N, C-alpha and C. Protein backbone atom coordinates (compact mmCIF):
# COMPACT_ATOMS: atom_id res chain seq x y z
N MET A 1 112.40 -173.39 -278.75
CA MET A 1 112.49 -174.99 -279.22
C MET A 1 111.27 -175.87 -279.34
N ILE A 2 110.35 -175.16 -278.36
CA ILE A 2 108.91 -175.68 -278.83
C ILE A 2 107.94 -175.46 -279.80
N ASN A 3 107.95 -176.20 -281.25
CA ASN A 3 107.17 -175.32 -281.95
C ASN A 3 105.51 -175.43 -281.47
N GLU A 4 104.92 -176.75 -281.33
CA GLU A 4 103.36 -176.70 -281.16
C GLU A 4 103.42 -176.49 -279.52
N LEU A 5 102.13 -175.57 -279.26
CA LEU A 5 102.08 -175.72 -278.06
C LEU A 5 100.98 -176.08 -277.31
N PRO A 6 100.65 -176.61 -276.72
CA PRO A 6 99.71 -177.65 -275.85
C PRO A 6 98.43 -176.45 -275.99
N VAL A 7 97.18 -177.06 -276.24
CA VAL A 7 96.47 -176.46 -275.92
C VAL A 7 95.53 -176.83 -274.10
N GLY A 8 95.44 -177.95 -273.99
CA GLY A 8 94.76 -178.37 -273.05
C GLY A 8 95.97 -179.61 -271.66
N VAL A 9 96.16 -178.51 -270.35
CA VAL A 9 96.65 -179.61 -269.40
C VAL A 9 96.21 -180.05 -268.32
N GLU A 10 96.46 -181.83 -268.90
CA GLU A 10 95.28 -182.55 -267.41
C GLU A 10 96.15 -182.73 -266.66
N VAL A 11 95.82 -182.71 -265.20
CA VAL A 11 97.04 -183.48 -264.02
C VAL A 11 96.22 -184.59 -263.66
N THR A 12 96.73 -185.60 -264.06
CA THR A 12 95.83 -187.05 -262.84
C THR A 12 96.81 -187.48 -262.51
N SER A 13 96.47 -188.75 -261.79
CA SER A 13 97.26 -189.38 -260.50
C SER A 13 98.46 -190.28 -261.53
N THR A 14 98.56 -189.84 -262.71
CA THR A 14 99.68 -190.38 -263.34
C THR A 14 100.33 -190.09 -263.90
N GLY A 15 100.25 -188.56 -263.71
CA GLY A 15 101.12 -187.61 -264.22
C GLY A 15 100.56 -186.62 -265.23
N ILE A 16 101.94 -185.55 -266.03
CA ILE A 16 100.62 -184.59 -266.60
C ILE A 16 100.55 -184.54 -267.50
N PHE A 17 99.43 -184.47 -268.37
CA PHE A 17 99.11 -185.10 -269.85
C PHE A 17 98.97 -183.55 -270.56
N LEU A 18 99.79 -183.73 -271.84
CA LEU A 18 99.67 -182.16 -272.32
C LEU A 18 98.55 -182.69 -273.60
N ARG A 19 97.78 -181.59 -274.57
CA ARG A 19 96.76 -182.35 -275.12
C ARG A 19 97.41 -181.08 -276.31
N ARG A 20 97.95 -181.73 -277.44
CA ARG A 20 98.56 -180.93 -278.92
C ARG A 20 97.32 -180.40 -279.57
N LYS A 21 97.26 -179.06 -280.44
CA LYS A 21 96.35 -179.13 -281.30
C LYS A 21 96.35 -179.07 -282.88
N ASN A 22 97.43 -180.11 -282.63
CA ASN A 22 97.89 -180.52 -283.95
C ASN A 22 97.50 -182.02 -284.52
N ASN A 23 96.98 -182.61 -283.35
CA ASN A 23 96.37 -183.60 -283.68
C ASN A 23 94.80 -183.95 -283.20
N SER A 24 94.06 -184.31 -284.59
CA SER A 24 92.56 -184.27 -284.18
C SER A 24 92.41 -184.86 -283.18
N ASP A 25 93.06 -186.06 -283.59
CA ASP A 25 92.50 -187.18 -282.41
C ASP A 25 92.60 -186.96 -280.71
N ILE A 26 93.37 -185.99 -280.98
CA ILE A 26 93.61 -185.54 -279.52
C ILE A 26 94.85 -186.45 -278.55
N GLU A 27 95.56 -186.94 -279.07
CA GLU A 27 96.36 -187.78 -278.15
C GLU A 27 97.26 -187.05 -277.05
N LYS A 28 97.13 -187.87 -276.03
CA LYS A 28 97.80 -187.16 -274.17
C LYS A 28 99.25 -187.92 -274.59
N TYR A 29 100.21 -186.98 -274.24
CA TYR A 29 101.47 -187.27 -274.06
C TYR A 29 101.53 -186.67 -272.53
N PHE A 30 102.36 -187.83 -272.26
CA PHE A 30 102.77 -187.98 -271.07
C PHE A 30 104.21 -187.16 -270.69
N VAL A 31 104.16 -185.82 -270.00
CA VAL A 31 105.18 -185.21 -269.15
C VAL A 31 105.70 -185.64 -267.94
N HIS A 32 107.08 -186.07 -267.73
CA HIS A 32 107.71 -186.37 -266.63
C HIS A 32 107.93 -185.37 -265.90
N HIS A 33 107.21 -185.05 -264.65
CA HIS A 33 107.64 -184.13 -264.31
C HIS A 33 107.44 -184.69 -262.64
N PRO A 34 108.76 -183.88 -261.75
CA PRO A 34 108.51 -184.20 -260.09
C PRO A 34 107.00 -183.64 -259.90
N ILE A 35 106.77 -183.07 -260.16
CA ILE A 35 105.40 -181.91 -259.68
C ILE A 35 103.88 -183.40 -259.62
N SER A 36 104.05 -184.32 -260.70
CA SER A 36 103.06 -185.63 -260.82
C SER A 36 103.73 -186.07 -259.22
N THR A 37 104.60 -186.17 -258.69
CA THR A 37 104.35 -186.86 -257.80
C THR A 37 104.02 -186.13 -256.47
N ILE A 38 103.54 -185.12 -256.60
CA ILE A 38 103.35 -184.25 -255.75
C ILE A 38 102.09 -184.68 -255.00
N PHE A 39 101.29 -184.26 -256.81
CA PHE A 39 99.93 -184.63 -256.78
C PHE A 39 99.31 -185.81 -256.08
N GLU A 40 100.15 -187.03 -256.66
CA GLU A 40 100.51 -188.12 -255.91
C GLU A 40 99.80 -188.53 -254.44
N GLN A 41 100.72 -188.07 -254.06
CA GLN A 41 100.80 -188.26 -252.43
C GLN A 41 99.56 -187.26 -251.86
N ASP A 42 99.42 -186.12 -252.30
CA ASP A 42 97.99 -185.41 -252.14
C ASP A 42 97.30 -186.26 -252.24
N MET A 43 96.53 -186.74 -253.09
CA MET A 43 95.62 -187.75 -253.16
C MET A 43 95.45 -188.95 -252.30
N LEU A 44 96.50 -189.63 -252.25
CA LEU A 44 96.42 -190.83 -251.53
C LEU A 44 96.12 -190.17 -249.52
């Protein structure tokens, strides 16, 4: 069902961002994922 595959994946303290290749200005889409909380706890 996913037509656009993300070019890059960035993991930050706020969550996981996917950069799509169709957007020239490289917008970041926030993906809600349980693993983001794990990274937050790890950084603390």
